[in-house]
Protein backbone atom coordinates (compact mmCIF):
# COMPACT_ATOMS: atom_id res chain seq x y z
CA MET A 1 -50.28 46.91 112.46
CA LEU A 2 -47.79 49.52 114.07
CA ARG A 3 -45.11 49.13 112.10
CA PHE A 4 -47.44 48.81 109.08
CA ALA A 5 -48.98 52.11 109.72
CA VAL A 6 -45.72 53.91 110.10
CA ILE A 7 -44.52 52.77 106.62
CA ALA A 8 -47.20 53.84 104.81
CA LEU A 9 -47.21 57.26 106.42
CA ALA A 10 -43.75 57.65 105.46
CA ALA A 11 -44.36 56.52 101.90
CA VAL A 12 -47.11 59.07 102.28
CA VAL A 13 -44.73 61.85 103.52
CA LEU A 14 -42.00 61.04 100.97
CA ALA A 15 -44.27 60.85 97.81
CA ALA A 16 -46.09 64.82 98.90
CA SER A 17 -42.65 65.87 99.20
CA ALA A 18 -41.27 64.79 96.23
CA THR A 19 -43.95 66.20 94.70
CA ALA A 20 -44.18 69.57 95.89
CA GLN A 21 -40.13 69.38 94.41
CA GLN A 22 -41.24 68.91 91.47
CA SER A 23 -43.46 71.19 91.39
CA GLY A 24 -41.36 73.78 92.54
CA GLY A 25 -38.63 72.85 89.82
CA ALA A 26 -41.67 72.83 87.06
CA THR A 27 -42.68 77.35 87.30
CA SER A 28 -39.94 77.97 84.51
CA PHE A 29 -37.48 76.91 82.33
CA GLN A 30 -33.88 77.32 83.12
CA VAL A 31 -31.12 79.07 80.93
CA GLN A 32 -27.78 80.18 80.64
CA ALA A 33 -28.39 83.67 79.22
CA LEU A 34 -30.88 85.51 77.08
CA ASN A 35 -30.61 87.26 73.77
CA GLN A 36 -27.26 88.33 74.36
CA GLY A 37 -26.68 89.68 71.21
CA LEU A 38 -29.63 92.51 70.98
CA PRO A 39 -29.59 96.07 72.48
CA SER A 40 -30.46 96.93 75.86
CA ALA A 41 -33.64 96.31 76.35
CA PRO A 42 -36.21 99.08 76.82
CA ASP A 43 -37.47 100.95 80.67
CA ARG A 44 -39.73 99.18 81.85
CA LEU A 45 -40.48 96.64 79.83
CA ASP A 46 -43.28 93.95 81.26
CA ARG A 47 -42.26 90.40 80.70
CA SER A 48 -43.57 88.83 84.02
CA THR A 49 -47.01 87.45 82.44
CA PRO A 50 -48.34 86.11 79.80
CA ARG A 51 -50.54 88.74 79.07
CA ALA A 52 -47.95 91.41 79.59
CA THR A 53 -45.31 90.11 77.05
CA THR A 54 -48.15 89.75 74.24
CA GLU A 55 -49.36 93.13 75.11
CA ALA A 56 -46.20 94.58 75.06
CA PHE A 57 -44.85 93.06 71.60
CA VAL A 58 -48.62 93.74 69.78
CA THR A 59 -47.76 97.59 71.05
CA PHE A 60 -44.30 97.56 69.95
CA ALA A 61 -45.21 96.17 66.58
CA GLY A 62 -48.19 98.77 66.10
CA ARG A 63 -45.17 101.93 66.74
CA GLY A 64 -42.76 99.94 64.05
CA ASP A 65 -40.19 99.12 66.82
CA PHE A 66 -39.31 95.44 66.34
CA THR A 67 -35.68 96.39 67.62
CA ALA A 68 -38.01 96.51 71.11
CA ALA A 69 -40.21 93.71 69.95
CA ALA A 70 -37.10 91.44 69.41
CA HIS A 71 -36.76 91.33 73.36
CA LEU A 72 -39.81 89.24 73.97
CA LEU A 73 -38.51 86.90 70.70
CA ASP A 74 -36.14 84.00 72.81
CA LEU A 75 -33.38 84.04 69.98
CA ASP A 76 -31.47 81.25 71.58
CA ALA A 77 -31.50 79.67 67.95
CA ILE A 78 -30.17 82.23 66.28
CA PRO A 79 -25.92 83.04 66.75
CA ILE A 80 -25.61 86.14 68.87
CA GLY A 81 -23.42 87.85 66.34
CA GLU A 82 -26.66 87.50 64.23
CA GLN A 83 -29.01 88.55 66.58
CA ALA A 84 -29.06 92.44 66.16
CA ALA A 85 -29.85 91.84 62.67
CA LEU A 86 -32.47 88.91 62.54
CA GLY A 87 -33.92 89.41 66.32
CA PRO A 88 -36.00 93.05 64.20
CA GLN A 89 -36.60 91.07 61.53
CA ARG A 90 -37.79 87.73 63.57
CA ALA A 91 -40.39 89.95 65.23
CA GLU A 92 -41.61 92.05 62.08
CA GLU A 93 -42.13 88.53 60.32
CA LEU A 94 -44.31 87.23 63.74
CA ALA A 95 -46.34 90.58 64.13
CA PHE A 96 -47.13 90.10 60.85
CA LEU A 97 -48.52 85.90 61.17
CA LEU A 98 -50.24 87.64 64.16
CA ARG A 99 -52.00 89.92 62.86
CA ARG A 100 -52.94 88.70 59.73
CA LYS A 101 -53.25 84.29 60.17
CA LEU A 102 -53.53 84.14 64.18
CA PRO A 103 -55.15 86.60 66.22
CA ILE A 104 -54.52 86.59 69.62
CA ASP A 105 -57.20 86.24 72.55
CA PHE A 106 -55.65 88.08 75.06
CA ALA A 107 -58.65 87.31 77.55
CA ALA A 108 -57.89 84.17 77.57
CA LEU A 109 -53.89 84.53 78.27
CA PRO A 110 -53.07 84.85 82.19
CA ASP A 111 -52.65 88.12 83.53
CA ARG A 112 -50.33 85.91 86.55
CA PRO A 113 -46.38 85.34 86.49
CA ASP A 114 -47.08 81.29 87.41
CA GLY A 115 -49.43 81.41 84.02
CA MET A 116 -51.88 79.92 86.20
CA ASP A 117 -55.45 80.07 84.26
CA THR A 118 -58.18 80.78 87.68
CA SER A 119 -61.02 81.65 85.54
CA GLY A 120 -62.00 78.13 84.15
CA ALA A 121 -64.10 75.26 85.29
CA ASP A 122 -62.76 72.85 87.91
CA ARG A 123 -63.15 70.30 86.16
CA GLU A 124 -60.47 71.35 83.30
CA PRO A 125 -56.90 69.92 83.61
CA MET A 126 -54.92 72.60 83.81
CA VAL A 127 -57.34 75.45 85.93
CA GLY A 128 -55.44 75.58 89.19
CA VAL A 129 -52.03 74.43 88.22
CA PRO A 130 -48.64 76.61 87.85
CA ARG A 131 -47.81 76.71 84.12
CA LYS A 132 -44.57 77.75 82.32
CA SER A 133 -45.80 77.37 78.56
CA ILE A 134 -48.96 78.78 77.01
CA VAL A 135 -49.97 78.10 73.54
CA ILE A 136 -50.84 81.13 71.14
CA GLY A 137 -52.24 79.14 68.54
CA THR A 138 -50.96 76.68 65.60
CA LEU A 139 -50.37 77.64 61.86
CA ASP A 140 -49.92 74.57 59.31
CA LEU A 141 -46.87 74.51 57.34
CA GLN A 142 -46.72 71.64 54.93
CA GLU A 143 -44.91 68.72 56.96
CA TRP A 144 -46.20 69.75 60.16
CA PRO A 145 -48.43 71.91 62.15
CA VAL A 146 -45.93 74.74 64.53
CA THR A 147 -47.55 76.01 67.73
CA ILE A 148 -46.47 79.21 68.63
CA ARG A 149 -46.30 79.24 72.13
CA LEU A 150 -45.47 81.69 74.91
CA ASN A 151 -42.97 79.54 77.23
CA ARG A 152 -41.61 80.89 81.27
CA LEU A 153 -37.28 81.30 81.34
CA GLN A 154 -35.39 82.08 84.08
CA VAL A 155 -31.53 83.09 84.04
CA GLY A 156 -30.25 81.82 87.40
CA ASP A 157 -31.77 83.41 90.41
CA SER A 158 -33.43 86.46 88.89
CA GLY A 159 -36.86 87.10 87.88
CA PRO A 160 -38.61 84.80 85.17
CA VAL A 161 -40.25 86.58 82.23
CA TRP A 162 -42.29 85.29 79.68
CA LEU A 163 -40.99 84.96 76.12
CA PHE A 164 -41.91 83.26 72.21
CA SER A 165 -40.27 80.06 72.43
CA ARG A 166 -37.17 79.37 70.75
CA GLN A 167 -39.43 76.51 68.99
CA SER A 168 -41.72 79.21 67.54
CA VAL A 169 -39.13 81.78 66.54
CA GLU A 170 -36.91 78.64 64.72
CA HIS A 171 -40.32 78.49 62.54
CA ILE A 172 -41.20 81.92 62.16
CA ALA A 173 -39.12 82.17 58.87
CA PRO A 174 -41.03 79.18 56.83
CA LEU A 175 -44.23 80.41 58.17
CA PHE A 176 -44.18 83.84 57.02
CA ALA A 177 -42.88 82.36 53.81
CA ARG A 178 -45.71 80.22 53.91
CA TYR A 179 -48.15 82.90 55.01
CA GLY A 180 -46.39 86.61 54.52
CA PRO A 181 -47.49 88.81 51.07
CA THR A 182 -47.49 87.35 47.94
CA ALA A 183 -46.10 89.09 44.73
CA PHE A 184 -49.51 90.43 44.03
CA GLU A 185 -49.63 92.13 47.03
CA LYS A 186 -46.15 93.33 47.22
CA ALA A 187 -46.57 95.11 43.74
CA LEU A 188 -49.68 96.92 45.06
CA PRO A 189 -49.07 100.56 46.57
CA ASP A 190 -49.74 101.31 49.91
CA PRO A 191 -52.76 102.74 50.19
CA LEU A 192 -54.47 99.30 49.33
CA ARG A 193 -52.31 97.61 51.62
CA SER A 194 -54.10 99.40 54.75
CA THR A 195 -56.13 98.31 56.48
CA ALA A 196 -60.09 99.38 55.89
CA PHE A 197 -62.26 98.08 58.75
CA LEU A 198 -63.13 94.95 61.04
CA GLY A 199 -59.47 93.81 59.95
CA LEU A 200 -59.88 93.72 55.88
CA LEU A 201 -57.24 94.87 53.87
CA TRP A 202 -58.58 97.67 51.23
CA TRP A 203 -57.00 95.01 48.46
CA GLU A 204 -59.05 92.49 49.73
CA LEU A 205 -62.32 94.06 49.70
CA ILE A 206 -61.83 94.73 45.85
CA ALA A 207 -60.23 91.49 45.66
CA LEU A 208 -63.10 89.40 47.25
CA PRO A 209 -65.95 90.51 44.45
CA MET A 210 -63.78 90.14 41.80
CA VAL A 211 -62.79 86.14 43.30
CA LEU A 212 -66.52 85.76 43.54
CA ILE A 213 -66.88 86.92 39.86
CA ILE A 214 -64.91 84.52 38.85
CA ALA A 215 -66.20 81.96 40.06
CA GLY A 216 -69.30 82.48 39.32
CA SER A 217 -68.38 82.96 35.46
CA LEU A 218 -66.66 80.07 34.96
CA ALA A 219 -69.63 77.81 36.95
CA PHE A 220 -71.88 79.45 34.30
CA VAL A 221 -69.31 78.29 31.82
CA ALA A 222 -69.54 75.14 32.92
CA TRP A 223 -72.89 74.59 32.94
CA GLN A 224 -73.82 75.55 29.26
CA VAL A 225 -71.13 73.72 27.74
CA MET A 226 -72.78 70.46 29.83
CA GLY A 227 -76.19 71.58 29.01
CA ILE A 228 -75.00 71.61 25.24
CA VAL A 229 -73.37 68.22 25.01
CA GLY A 230 -75.87 66.62 26.77
CA ARG A 231 -78.80 67.95 24.41
CA ASN A 232 -76.92 67.16 21.18
CA SER A 233 -75.17 63.31 23.18
CA PRO A 234 -76.50 60.83 20.90
CA PHE A 235 -76.98 57.90 23.67
CA LYS A 236 -79.84 59.27 25.99
CA SER A 237 -78.57 58.05 29.82
CA VAL A 238 -75.09 59.91 28.44
CA GLY A 239 -77.29 63.13 28.04
CA VAL A 240 -79.83 62.96 30.58
CA GLY A 241 -76.67 62.15 33.88
CA LEU A 242 -74.86 65.73 31.91
CA ARG A 243 -77.87 67.44 32.03
CA ARG A 244 -78.63 66.60 35.92
CA SER A 245 -74.58 66.69 37.00
CA ARG A 246 -74.73 70.33 36.15
CA LEU A 247 -75.29 71.91 39.51
CA PRO A 248 -72.96 69.49 41.01
CA VAL A 249 -70.13 70.39 38.54
CA ALA A 250 -70.68 74.09 39.06
CA ILE A 251 -70.93 74.23 42.86
CA LEU A 252 -67.99 72.01 42.78
CA ILE A 253 -65.94 74.68 40.49
CA THR A 254 -66.97 77.41 42.33
CA GLY A 255 -65.44 75.86 45.43
CA ILE A 256 -62.23 74.94 43.39
CA VAL A 257 -61.57 78.61 42.25
CA LEU A 258 -62.88 80.18 46.11
CA GLN A 259 -59.90 77.82 47.66
CA ILE A 260 -57.22 78.03 44.35
CA ALA A 261 -57.69 81.77 44.85
CA ASN A 262 -57.27 81.78 48.89
CA THR A 263 -54.14 80.04 48.77
CA THR A 264 -52.13 80.38 45.74
CA VAL A 265 -52.94 83.69 44.32
CA PHE A 266 -54.24 85.37 47.32
CA GLU A 267 -53.27 85.09 51.30
CA PHE A 268 -56.36 87.39 52.96
CA SER A 269 -56.13 87.81 56.68
CA ALA A 270 -57.31 84.93 58.90
CA ALA A 271 -61.52 86.04 59.21
CA THR A 272 -61.34 85.79 55.13
CA ASP A 273 -59.26 83.03 55.19
CA ALA A 274 -61.57 81.21 57.97
CA THR A 275 -64.27 82.32 56.07
CA LEU A 276 -63.80 81.36 52.76
CA SER A 277 -62.56 78.06 53.80
CA LEU A 278 -65.70 77.78 55.05
CA ILE A 279 -67.12 78.24 52.41
CA PHE A 280 -64.91 76.13 49.67
CA TRP A 281 -66.27 73.34 52.60
CA ILE A 282 -69.43 74.08 52.64
CA LEU A 283 -69.66 73.73 48.18
CA ILE A 284 -67.64 70.97 48.28
CA ILE A 285 -69.64 69.01 50.46
CA VAL A 286 -73.44 70.49 48.97
CA ALA A 287 -71.48 69.08 45.38
CA VAL A 288 -70.51 65.48 46.36
CA VAL A 289 -74.19 65.24 47.81
CA ALA A 290 -75.86 66.70 45.09
CA GLY A 291 -73.42 64.88 42.68
CA VAL A 292 -74.18 61.01 44.11
CA ALA A 293 -78.11 61.70 44.69
CA ARG A 294 -78.33 62.54 41.07
CA VAL A 295 -76.42 59.87 39.88
CA LEU A 296 -78.22 57.84 42.04
CA ASP A 297 -81.54 59.38 40.71
CA THR A 298 -80.66 58.91 37.07
CA VAL A 299 -80.56 55.36 37.35
CA ILE A 300 -83.01 55.10 39.65
CA ASP A 301 -84.92 57.04 36.68
CA PHE A 302 -83.99 55.13 34.06
CA ALA A 303 -84.34 51.39 36.08
CA SER A 304 -88.12 53.33 37.09
CA ASN A 305 -89.27 54.29 33.47
CA ARG A 306 -88.28 50.01 32.33
CA TYR A 307 -89.79 48.53 35.18
CA LEU A 308 -92.17 50.63 36.56
CA GLU A 309 -95.25 50.52 34.03
CA THR A 310 -95.16 46.22 34.92
CA ILE A 311 -93.96 46.84 38.44
CA ASP A 312 -96.71 44.80 39.66
CA ASP A 313 -95.38 41.80 36.93
CA PRO A 314 -94.22 38.80 39.19
CA ALA A 315 -91.35 38.36 36.71
CA ASN A 316 -89.91 41.49 37.76
CA THR A 317 -89.27 40.00 41.61
CA SER A 318 -85.62 40.24 41.13
CA ALA A 319 -85.50 44.16 39.68
CA ARG A 320 -88.35 45.13 41.84
CA GLU A 321 -85.87 44.21 44.36
CA TRP A 322 -82.87 45.96 42.93
CA TYR A 323 -84.51 48.71 42.29
CA THR A 324 -84.98 49.16 45.81
CA ASN A 325 -81.80 48.32 46.68
CA LEU A 326 -80.48 51.54 44.83
CA SER A 327 -83.24 53.52 46.13
CA ALA A 328 -81.43 52.53 49.84
CA ALA A 329 -77.82 52.77 48.11
CA LYS A 330 -78.61 56.53 47.42
CA ARG A 331 -79.83 57.64 50.68
CA ILE A 332 -77.16 55.45 53.16
CA GLY A 333 -75.03 56.99 50.20
CA VAL A 334 -75.82 60.66 50.72
CA MET A 335 -75.95 60.50 54.69
CA MET A 336 -72.67 59.07 54.15
CA ALA A 337 -71.20 61.83 52.40
CA ILE A 338 -72.83 64.44 54.49
CA VAL A 339 -70.73 62.79 57.62
CA ILE A 340 -67.84 62.17 55.89
CA GLY A 341 -67.48 65.39 54.15
CA ALA A 342 -68.48 67.63 57.70
CA ALA A 343 -65.59 65.55 59.32
CA ALA A 344 -63.06 66.76 56.81
CA ALA A 345 -64.66 70.17 56.99
CA PHE A 346 -63.89 70.65 60.50
CA SER A 347 -60.87 68.49 60.66
CA SER A 348 -59.09 70.90 58.52
CA LEU A 349 -60.69 73.94 59.94
CA ASP A 350 -59.78 73.01 63.10
CA LEU A 351 -63.13 73.87 64.76
CA PHE A 352 -62.64 71.57 67.72
CA SER A 353 -59.10 73.33 68.66
CA SER A 354 -60.36 76.88 68.07
CA PHE A 355 -63.69 76.79 69.71
CA GLY A 356 -61.98 74.04 72.59
CA LEU A 357 -63.37 72.97 75.93
CA SER A 358 -66.66 75.35 75.05
CA LEU A 359 -68.16 73.61 72.26
CA LEU A 360 -67.81 70.41 74.06
CA ILE A 361 -69.37 71.85 76.72
CA SER A 362 -72.35 73.52 74.25
CA ALA A 363 -72.74 70.31 72.24
CA GLY A 364 -75.36 68.47 74.22
CA VAL A 365 -77.16 71.78 74.84
CA ALA A 366 -77.41 72.47 71.18
CA THR A 367 -78.00 68.45 70.32
CA ALA A 368 -81.47 69.39 72.53
CA ILE A 369 -82.54 71.77 71.14
CA PHE A 370 -81.87 70.68 67.55
CA GLY A 371 -82.93 67.45 68.36
CA LEU A 372 -86.44 69.16 69.56
CA ALA A 373 -86.32 71.72 66.61
CA ALA A 374 -86.11 68.90 63.92
CA GLN A 375 -87.71 65.71 65.82
CA ALA A 376 -90.29 65.02 62.85
CA ILE A 377 -87.51 65.49 59.90
CA LEU A 378 -85.02 63.33 61.66
CA GLY A 379 -87.38 60.91 62.62
CA ASN A 380 -88.65 60.09 59.32
CA ILE A 381 -84.60 60.20 58.03
CA PHE A 382 -83.52 57.63 60.84
CA ALA A 383 -86.87 55.34 59.68
CA SER A 384 -85.83 55.60 55.89
CA LEU A 385 -82.72 54.29 56.58
CA GLN A 386 -84.39 51.52 58.95
CA LEU A 387 -86.78 50.98 55.88
CA ALA A 388 -83.46 50.69 53.91
CA ILE A 389 -81.82 48.14 56.23
CA ALA A 390 -85.44 45.64 57.41
CA LYS A 391 -87.29 46.51 53.96
CA PRO A 392 -90.41 45.62 55.18
CA ILE A 393 -91.44 46.88 51.77
CA ARG A 394 -89.75 47.43 48.78
CA ILE A 395 -89.96 49.12 45.33
CA GLY A 396 -93.43 47.84 43.41
CA ASP A 397 -94.64 46.07 46.81
CA ALA A 398 -98.56 45.65 46.61
CA VAL A 399 -99.68 47.09 49.84
CA TYR A 400 -103.20 47.89 51.49
CA TYR A 401 -102.78 50.82 54.22
CA ASP A 402 -105.40 52.44 55.29
CA GLY A 403 -107.92 50.90 53.29
CA THR A 404 -106.47 52.00 50.29
CA TRP A 405 -104.64 49.51 47.65
CA ALA A 406 -101.75 51.18 46.13
CA TYR A 407 -97.71 49.87 45.01
CA VAL A 408 -94.97 51.41 46.53
CA GLU A 409 -93.38 53.84 44.25
CA ARG A 410 -91.24 55.62 45.86
CA ILE A 411 -88.95 55.60 49.18
CA ASN A 412 -87.90 59.04 50.02
CA TYR A 413 -86.33 60.15 52.96
CA THR A 414 -89.11 61.63 54.48
CA TYR A 415 -92.31 60.09 52.94
CA VAL A 416 -92.89 57.02 51.05
CA GLN A 417 -94.51 57.63 47.55
CA LEU A 418 -97.48 54.84 46.98
CA ARG A 419 -99.25 54.68 43.49
CA THR A 420 -103.12 53.61 43.53
CA TRP A 421 -105.22 51.29 40.13
CA ASP A 422 -106.61 55.13 39.34
CA MET A 423 -102.51 56.75 39.26
CA LYS A 424 -103.46 58.69 42.46
CA ARG A 425 -100.10 59.54 44.70
CA PHE A 426 -100.35 59.22 48.24
CA ILE A 427 -97.71 60.50 50.39
CA VAL A 428 -97.33 58.86 53.48
CA PRO A 429 -94.65 59.79 56.12
CA VAL A 430 -92.23 57.02 56.55
CA LYS A 431 -92.73 56.41 60.75
CA HIS A 432 -95.86 55.38 59.80
CA PHE A 433 -94.90 52.92 58.08
CA VAL A 434 -92.19 51.69 60.52
CA SER A 435 -94.98 52.42 63.73
CA ASN A 436 -98.63 51.53 61.96
CA PRO A 437 -99.60 47.93 60.92
CA PHE A 438 -100.24 47.70 57.32
CA GLU A 439 -100.35 44.55 54.66
CA ASN A 440 -98.15 44.16 52.58
CA TRP A 441 -99.33 41.86 49.95
CA THR A 442 -95.73 41.08 47.94
CA LYS A 443 -93.78 40.48 50.08
CA ALA A 444 -93.12 36.78 50.23
CA GLU A 445 -94.34 35.73 46.85
CA PRO A 446 -97.58 37.72 44.63
CA LYS A 447 -100.00 34.77 44.37
CA MET A 448 -103.40 36.13 45.66
CA ILE A 449 -106.82 34.91 46.77
CA LYS A 450 -109.50 36.86 46.71
CA ALA A 451 -113.38 36.10 47.30
CA VAL A 452 -116.50 36.83 45.58
CA LEU A 453 -119.50 36.54 47.46
CA LEU A 454 -123.30 36.23 46.09
CA LYS A 455 -126.32 36.60 48.12
CA LEU A 456 -128.67 33.73 47.05
CA ASP A 457 -132.18 32.45 47.49
CA HIS A 458 -132.04 28.84 50.07
CA ARG A 459 -133.30 27.09 47.00
CA THR A 460 -130.71 27.63 44.28
CA ASP A 461 -128.33 24.66 43.46
CA VAL A 462 -125.28 24.74 45.27
CA GLU A 463 -123.74 22.27 42.99
CA ALA A 464 -124.74 23.75 39.73
CA LEU A 465 -123.09 26.53 40.87
CA ARG A 466 -120.15 24.86 41.44
CA THR A 467 -119.66 23.57 38.23
CA ALA A 468 -120.07 26.23 36.42
CA PHE A 469 -117.40 28.07 39.05
CA LYS A 470 -114.99 25.42 37.73
CA GLU A 471 -115.86 25.65 33.99
CA ILE A 472 -115.20 30.10 34.17
CA ALA A 473 -112.71 29.59 36.14
CA GLN A 474 -110.29 27.12 34.34
CA ASN A 475 -110.96 28.93 30.58
CA ASP A 476 -109.61 32.34 32.52
CA PRO A 477 -106.51 32.89 31.23
CA ASP A 478 -105.67 34.97 34.52
CA TRP A 479 -107.12 31.97 36.46
CA SER A 480 -103.54 30.68 38.39
CA GLU A 481 -102.44 27.21 37.21
CA GLY A 482 -102.43 24.21 39.10
CA GLU A 483 -105.62 25.86 42.00
CA GLU A 484 -108.73 23.68 42.35
CA PRO A 485 -111.82 26.10 42.38
CA LYS A 486 -113.42 26.19 45.56
CA VAL A 487 -116.89 26.84 46.79
CA GLN A 488 -118.65 27.68 49.73
CA VAL A 489 -121.91 28.05 51.49
CA ILE A 490 -119.78 30.83 54.76
CA ASP A 491 -123.35 31.70 56.27
CA HIS A 492 -127.42 32.24 55.32
CA ASP A 493 -130.30 34.11 57.41
CA ASP A 494 -134.03 34.66 56.67
CA GLU A 495 -133.48 36.42 53.88
CA ALA A 496 -130.88 34.21 51.34
CA MET A 497 -128.16 32.12 52.19
CA HIS A 498 -123.98 33.61 51.40
CA VAL A 499 -122.02 31.45 48.78
CA ARG A 500 -118.22 32.10 48.43
CA PHE A 501 -116.53 31.50 45.39
CA TYR A 502 -112.31 31.56 45.98
CA ILE A 503 -110.55 32.55 43.19
CA TYR A 504 -106.60 32.30 42.79
CA ALA A 505 -104.55 34.49 40.79
CA ASP A 506 -100.63 34.84 40.03
CA ASP A 507 -100.97 38.62 41.51
CA PRO A 508 -102.87 41.48 42.76
CA THR A 509 -103.51 42.92 39.69
CA SER A 510 -104.53 39.91 38.45
CA ALA A 511 -106.67 38.96 41.22
CA TRP A 512 -108.65 41.59 40.95
CA ASN A 513 -109.50 41.70 37.19
CA LEU A 514 -110.37 37.97 37.72
CA HIS A 515 -112.24 38.71 41.17
CA CYS A 516 -114.17 41.05 38.97
CA ARG A 517 -114.46 38.90 35.84
CA VAL A 518 -115.70 36.06 38.08
CA ARG A 519 -118.61 37.95 39.40
CA GLU A 520 -120.31 39.65 36.13
CA LYS A 521 -120.16 35.73 34.31
CA LEU A 522 -121.96 34.28 37.65
CA LEU A 523 -124.45 37.08 37.49
CA ALA A 524 -124.52 36.56 33.50
CA HIS A 525 -124.72 32.38 34.13
CA LEU A 526 -128.39 32.89 36.49
CA ARG A 527 -129.56 34.83 33.99
CA THR A 528 -129.12 32.98 30.81
CA LYS A 529 -130.00 29.73 32.65
CA ASN A 530 -132.85 31.18 32.95
CA GLU A 531 -132.94 30.76 36.89
CA PRO A 532 -134.58 33.64 39.27
CA SER A 533 -135.44 31.46 41.63
CA ALA A 534 -131.53 32.09 42.46
CA PHE A 535 -132.07 35.57 43.86
CA PRO A 536 -132.88 36.46 46.66
CA ARG A 537 -136.75 37.21 47.41
CA THR A 538 -139.53 38.30 49.22
CA ARG A 539 -141.92 36.28 51.02
CA LEU A 540 -145.76 37.87 51.95
CA ALA A 541 -148.27 36.32 53.95
CA VAL A 542 -151.90 37.38 53.08
CA VAL A 543 -153.66 37.15 55.79
CA SER A 544 -157.44 37.75 56.54
CA ASN A 545 -159.04 39.72 59.02
CA ALA A 546 -162.40 37.29 60.08
CA PRO A 547 -162.55 34.35 60.79
CA GLU A 548 -163.66 31.72 58.15
CA GLU A 549 -164.48 27.95 58.22
CA ASP A 550 -161.80 25.75 56.60
CA ALA A 551 -162.49 22.31 55.05
CA SER A 552 -162.15 20.50 59.04
CA GLY A 553 -164.89 22.94 60.26
CA SER A 554 -162.99 25.12 62.36
CA TYR A 555 -162.44 28.70 61.94
CA GLY A 556 -159.20 30.49 61.99
CA TYR A 557 -156.75 32.84 59.46
CA GLN A 558 -155.89 31.52 56.01
CA THR A 559 -152.43 32.07 54.48
CA GLY A 560 -150.35 31.92 51.54
CA GLU A 561 -147.69 32.68 49.92
CA ARG A 562 -146.72 35.56 47.57
CA GLU A 563 -143.18 34.92 46.17
CA THR A 564 -141.99 38.38 44.26
CA GLY A 565 -139.30 40.45 43.49
CA GLU A 566 -140.36 43.60 45.83
CA PRO A 567 -142.38 43.69 49.25
CA LYS A 568 -146.45 44.07 48.29
CA ALA A 569 -148.86 45.18 50.88
CA ALA A 570 -151.39 42.39 51.99
CA GLU A 571 -154.80 42.00 50.69
CA ARG A 572 -157.41 41.79 53.44
CA ARG A 573 -160.33 38.79 52.74
CA ASP A 574 -163.57 40.50 52.66
CA PRO A 575 -166.62 38.65 54.17
CA LYS A 576 -169.05 40.97 52.26
CA PRO A 577 -167.72 41.56 48.92
CA ASP A 578 -170.75 41.65 47.20
CA GLN A 579 -172.25 44.49 49.94
CA HIS A 580 -168.88 46.30 48.93
CA ARG A 581 -169.07 46.18 44.98
CA ASP A 582 -172.89 47.40 45.03
CA GLU A 583 -172.09 50.77 46.73
CA GLU A 584 -168.99 51.13 45.26
CA GLN A 585 -170.56 51.16 41.72
CA ALA A 586 -173.55 53.49 43.14
CA GLY A 587 -170.59 55.97 44.26
CA ARG A 588 -169.00 56.21 40.95
CA GLN A 589 -172.68 56.95 39.12
CA HIS A 590 -173.65 59.89 41.79
CA ALA A 591 -169.93 61.43 40.88
CA ALA A 592 -170.65 60.84 36.98
CA GLU A 593 -174.14 62.54 37.08
């Protein structure tokens, strides 16, 4: 055990020693010489830290002293004899790129000789670690992205210095050819090429409104042309499609014109370039989403005009299924277009590398805030996607929801549109159809059973009614073929018995119409057959208020029945009817005198 412990301790010591040696040797790049073709460096030139080097470069470039600024570049890739001529030129080109396309964030640059970052969080990988290379930013060439960086270089035993790296200097010329002033800018007078405010040049302030006016004019022309062609098209579907596509096309043209102006005609500064690129991607995403939505809306509307009037027809089951799938495809397609467009925009704009880790750290907080603020909208959108996948309801289904019978007319992102029999429209949030129970009368098949309930007198001949109902049902065109009429006495009370007549129809609309007709014909049958005894009656007892001797010699109350359709007050048997009649006649005679 002791031997193993000694071996393990020795291994740990050796690993620590190797790590220390590696760390100590990785604090700078060793070079043979620096910029031997340049004249002597200015006095008190500070290149000891990354921030000092960039501040010195920007200061010399601002003064126009590009010879001094060249001492802040690693010109090792340039032959010594050409460094005196090309060094200041590369410094001037790099100054233009940093000023116009790659603004330096001085606060993010370490001001320590070892380049160590001590301001970040402990969980960040490079915090507290000495560095010998620091990235300033990235610019895209046609072939690949080029990184502008600072390297820590050391010649022999002299103190290390920070310079713009040799690889960065090698790519300054092609980057300047890509992002440098265009022929248009070079032809402008010097006053227009000077800085106005907020980092914008005077010519940019003039060119931006012109670009927007040109883009808007082209979009307006496209709008008018598509409208004219759509109105004059001999095909109705083509005309409607062109008119509905005007807005997406106009937005797309506006975005394309802005992008062409930003990348080909003009070379705007970094802030303007980023703003126009963001506007371009927003317009592209909106145009694609609107275009997909308009195209699918046109197809859905044509299907709606063709099938919606007979949407409850059982023969249209496959058409309704296709209509529902098309509506679901629209919602899913629009959502995918938004997600893919946003991902492409983020990738093109390089937002994540610009904002860095701070964006990722704040993403959780932003997501929570956005989720709380848009909880209802997002909940309905996800519920709409759930309806699109699970299909508990389809376009054209007959549903019984919240005491209302209606047909599903449209399924949108946040609501379901129901059409009732009296042509009213109910707008119901999608979440209600996911979280609350409802009846779908046409989920499996449209066939439906309804019942006609009649309250009849106990003496009614039910068998005769059964025969009459069978004749009525089988002669009705809406009766479902092959179904046998059925009559049941389901209940009774002291007034009547409850008789239920079951009807069968092939769809809910036919079931409702048949239900109404059968009730009407059954009532007409009872009237025409002169069977008044079939309707419920109120039975009243006539009771005497004095006992009388009956046939058996006993005294008691005489009772009887009065059958009437309306209640009537009980009649009292008077023991002295003659005396009362005489008194009543005398009273009337006295009143007449």
